[in-house]
Amino acid sequence: MKRKLKTALVLAFVAGLVVLFAHPAYRQGEPSLRGREAKDFTFTIDGRTTRLSDFRGKVVVLNFWESWCQPCRDEAQSLNALQQRIAPLGGVVLGVDAGVGEDADVDETRANYDAFLRAFDIDFPTYLDTSKHIAVEYGTSAYPETYIIDRNGRVDRKIIGPQDWTGSQMLNYLDSLLSAS
């Protein structure tokens, strides 16, 4: 009887771990990244060379996307709405097209990038990373993938997959970051 009880407890523990790691809230929080300094990188927007660190003092929603990615397309309007909401509060959505096509051997083209921006009337700063290094440096494994960076340049949260950026839970979370000094 004791042996069966021990086996049952071990199986329950393992099942609990599986459930914990499979639960979306676990993946979405990525607590291991919280507090780490966001990796700085250089990019060009509107002909001006900029660094991520130039946004220090703002809350940055760093969104990695691809023009071929349907979930990226699904959240584009939501990110536009978020940009409109957080810009006056000291926040910015920064989009990075990771520069690889649907097949990792196919480069994202400037034409596809431009077509995506036009189709979704993107009004937040974006950059086409033709070097393909920025997303790799961040450890991006799926598109879209977003890093929320606080005003001090530290990663607060990593979010994998598309989001409703205008949902009350997300807005409450971002408002808490935007109101922090």
Protein backbone atom coordinates (compact mmCIF):
# COMPACT_ATOMS: atom_id res chain seq x y z
CA MET A 1 0.00 0.00 0.00
CA LYS A 2 2.84 2.41 0.87
CA ARG A 3 4.49 1.71 -2.45
CA LYS A 4 1.29 2.49 -4.37
CA LEU A 5 0.86 5.71 -2.39
CA LYS A 6 4.45 6.81 -3.12
CA THR A 7 4.00 6.01 -6.81
CA ALA A 8 0.74 7.96 -6.90
CA LEU A 9 2.37 10.96 -5.21
CA VAL A 10 5.31 10.94 -7.64
CA LEU A 11 2.94 10.71 -10.62
CA ALA A 12 0.79 13.53 -9.22
CA PHE A 13 3.90 15.68 -8.76
CA VAL A 14 5.08 15.03 -12.33
CA ALA A 15 1.58 15.71 -13.69
CA GLY A 16 1.53 18.98 -11.71
CA LEU A 17 4.83 20.05 -13.26
CA VAL A 18 3.58 19.25 -16.75
CA VAL A 19 0.43 21.30 -16.15
CA LEU A 20 2.46 24.20 -14.70
CA PHE A 21 4.87 24.37 -17.63
CA ALA A 22 2.12 23.93 -20.22
CA HIS A 23 -0.05 26.64 -18.68
CA PRO A 24 -0.04 29.81 -20.86
CA ALA A 25 0.56 32.10 -17.88
CA TYR A 26 3.88 30.35 -17.23
CA ARG A 27 5.07 30.90 -20.81
CA GLN A 28 3.82 34.45 -20.90
CA GLY A 29 5.62 35.62 -17.79
CA GLU A 30 9.12 34.28 -18.50
CA PRO A 31 10.17 35.22 -14.95
CA SER A 32 13.78 34.30 -15.71
CA LEU A 33 14.11 37.38 -17.96
CA ARG A 34 12.48 39.88 -15.61
CA GLY A 35 14.89 42.55 -14.46
CA ARG A 36 17.56 41.81 -17.05
CA GLU A 37 18.81 44.75 -19.02
CA ALA A 38 17.31 44.77 -22.51
CA LYS A 39 19.90 43.99 -25.16
CA ASP A 40 20.73 47.18 -26.99
CA PHE A 41 20.80 47.28 -30.77
CA THR A 42 21.12 49.85 -33.53
CA PHE A 43 18.48 50.38 -36.20
CA THR A 44 17.36 53.02 -38.67
CA ILE A 45 13.96 54.68 -38.64
CA ASP A 46 13.06 57.46 -41.06
CA GLY A 47 16.69 57.63 -42.20
CA ARG A 48 17.93 58.25 -38.65
CA THR A 49 20.21 55.79 -36.84
CA THR A 50 18.77 54.99 -33.44
CA ARG A 51 19.52 52.63 -30.57
CA LEU A 52 17.04 50.87 -28.33
CA SER A 53 18.76 52.59 -25.40
CA ASP A 54 17.66 55.95 -26.88
CA PHE A 55 14.16 55.01 -25.66
CA ARG A 56 15.31 54.84 -22.03
CA GLY A 57 12.76 56.68 -19.92
CA LYS A 58 9.90 55.21 -21.97
CA VAL A 59 8.06 51.93 -21.62
CA VAL A 60 8.88 50.01 -24.82
CA VAL A 61 6.69 47.29 -26.29
CA LEU A 62 9.31 45.58 -28.49
CA ASN A 63 7.40 43.41 -30.95
CA PHE A 64 9.15 40.95 -33.29
CA TRP A 65 7.00 40.08 -36.30
CA GLU A 66 7.07 38.80 -39.88
CA SER A 67 4.94 39.93 -42.82
CA TRP A 68 3.96 36.32 -43.68
CA CYS A 69 2.91 35.50 -40.10
CA GLN A 70 -0.88 35.33 -39.71
CA PRO A 71 -0.84 35.86 -35.92
CA CYS A 72 1.35 38.94 -36.54
CA ARG A 73 -1.24 40.19 -38.99
CA ASP A 74 -4.02 39.44 -36.50
CA GLU A 75 -2.48 41.65 -33.80
CA ALA A 76 -1.31 44.54 -36.02
CA GLN A 77 -4.39 46.75 -35.50
CA SER A 78 -4.29 46.08 -31.78
CA LEU A 79 -0.66 47.29 -31.67
CA ASN A 80 -1.66 50.42 -33.60
CA ALA A 81 -4.35 51.14 -31.01
CA LEU A 82 -1.88 50.50 -28.20
CA GLN A 83 0.61 52.96 -29.71
CA GLN A 84 -2.10 55.63 -29.81
CA ARG A 85 -2.94 54.98 -26.17
CA ILE A 86 0.54 54.77 -24.64
CA ALA A 87 2.46 57.40 -26.66
CA PRO A 88 1.08 60.34 -24.64
CA LEU A 89 1.87 58.45 -21.41
CA GLY A 90 5.55 57.87 -22.24
CA GLY A 91 5.33 54.54 -24.01
CA VAL A 92 6.16 53.35 -27.49
CA VAL A 93 5.49 50.28 -29.59
CA LEU A 94 8.62 49.36 -31.55
CA GLY A 95 8.18 46.75 -34.27
CA VAL A 96 11.04 44.72 -35.68
CA ASP A 97 10.47 42.60 -38.77
CA ALA A 98 12.96 39.85 -38.03
CA GLY A 99 14.03 39.58 -41.66
CA VAL A 100 13.35 35.91 -42.35
CA GLY A 101 10.57 34.54 -44.47
CA GLU A 102 8.22 31.65 -43.71
CA ASP A 103 10.97 29.27 -44.70
CA ALA A 104 14.13 30.13 -42.73
CA ASP A 105 16.09 30.01 -46.00
CA VAL A 106 13.94 32.73 -47.58
CA ASP A 107 14.73 36.36 -46.80
CA GLU A 108 11.95 38.78 -45.98
CA THR A 109 11.81 41.27 -48.83
CA ARG A 110 11.53 45.02 -48.55
CA ALA A 111 8.42 44.79 -50.75
CA ASN A 112 6.69 42.38 -48.33
CA TYR A 113 7.68 44.57 -45.38
CA ASP A 114 6.38 47.74 -47.06
CA ALA A 115 3.17 45.98 -48.13
CA PHE A 116 2.55 44.86 -44.53
CA LEU A 117 3.02 48.43 -43.24
CA ARG A 118 0.58 49.77 -45.85
CA ALA A 119 -2.00 46.98 -45.46
CA PHE A 120 -2.26 47.50 -41.71
CA ASP A 121 -1.59 51.25 -41.72
CA ILE A 122 1.16 50.77 -39.14
CA ASP A 123 1.72 54.00 -37.25
CA PHE A 124 4.37 52.91 -34.74
CA PRO A 125 8.12 52.86 -35.46
CA THR A 126 9.26 49.72 -37.28
CA TYR A 127 12.48 48.34 -38.64
CA LEU A 128 13.30 45.61 -41.15
CA ASP A 129 16.26 43.69 -39.72
CA THR A 130 17.94 42.46 -42.88
CA SER A 131 20.90 41.28 -40.78
CA LYS A 132 18.51 38.85 -39.01
CA HIS A 133 20.52 39.27 -35.81
CA ILE A 134 18.26 41.23 -33.48
CA ALA A 135 15.60 38.56 -33.00
CA VAL A 136 18.30 35.90 -32.65
CA GLU A 137 20.07 37.96 -29.96
CA TYR A 138 16.79 38.22 -28.07
CA GLY A 139 16.21 34.48 -28.34
CA THR A 140 13.00 34.88 -30.32
CA SER A 141 11.60 31.47 -31.10
CA ALA A 142 8.12 32.23 -32.43
CA TYR A 143 6.34 35.11 -34.12
CA PRO A 144 4.98 37.36 -32.88
CA GLU A 145 7.10 37.64 -29.76
CA THR A 146 7.10 40.74 -27.58
CA TYR A 147 9.32 42.07 -24.84
CA ILE A 148 7.97 44.67 -22.45
CA ILE A 149 10.83 46.94 -21.38
CA ASP A 150 10.41 49.30 -18.42
CA ARG A 151 11.53 52.92 -18.23
CA ASN A 152 14.92 51.84 -16.84
CA GLY A 153 15.69 49.66 -19.87
CA ARG A 154 15.00 46.37 -18.11
CA VAL A 155 12.87 43.53 -19.47
CA ASP A 156 9.72 43.21 -17.40
CA ARG A 157 7.99 40.51 -19.40
CA LYS A 158 8.30 38.33 -22.49
CA ILE A 159 5.09 37.47 -24.31
CA ILE A 160 4.96 34.69 -26.89
CA GLY A 161 2.16 34.76 -29.44
CA PRO A 162 -0.44 37.29 -30.50
CA GLN A 163 -2.22 39.42 -27.92
CA ASP A 164 -5.20 41.68 -27.66
CA TRP A 165 -3.13 44.72 -26.70
CA THR A 166 -6.29 46.69 -25.92
CA GLY A 167 -7.76 44.14 -23.50
CA SER A 168 -8.35 45.34 -19.94
CA GLN A 169 -5.85 42.93 -18.39
CA MET A 170 -3.05 44.01 -20.74
CA LEU A 171 -3.89 47.71 -20.41
CA ASN A 172 -3.93 47.46 -16.60
CA TYR A 173 -0.52 45.80 -16.70
CA LEU A 174 0.93 48.44 -19.04
CA ASP A 175 -0.67 51.28 -17.06
CA SER A 176 1.13 50.01 -13.96
CA LEU A 177 4.46 50.21 -15.82
CA LEU A 178 3.65 53.59 -17.35
CA SER A 179 2.75 55.08 -13.95
CA ALA A 180 5.92 53.76 -12.28
CA SER A 181 8.76 56.26 -12.05
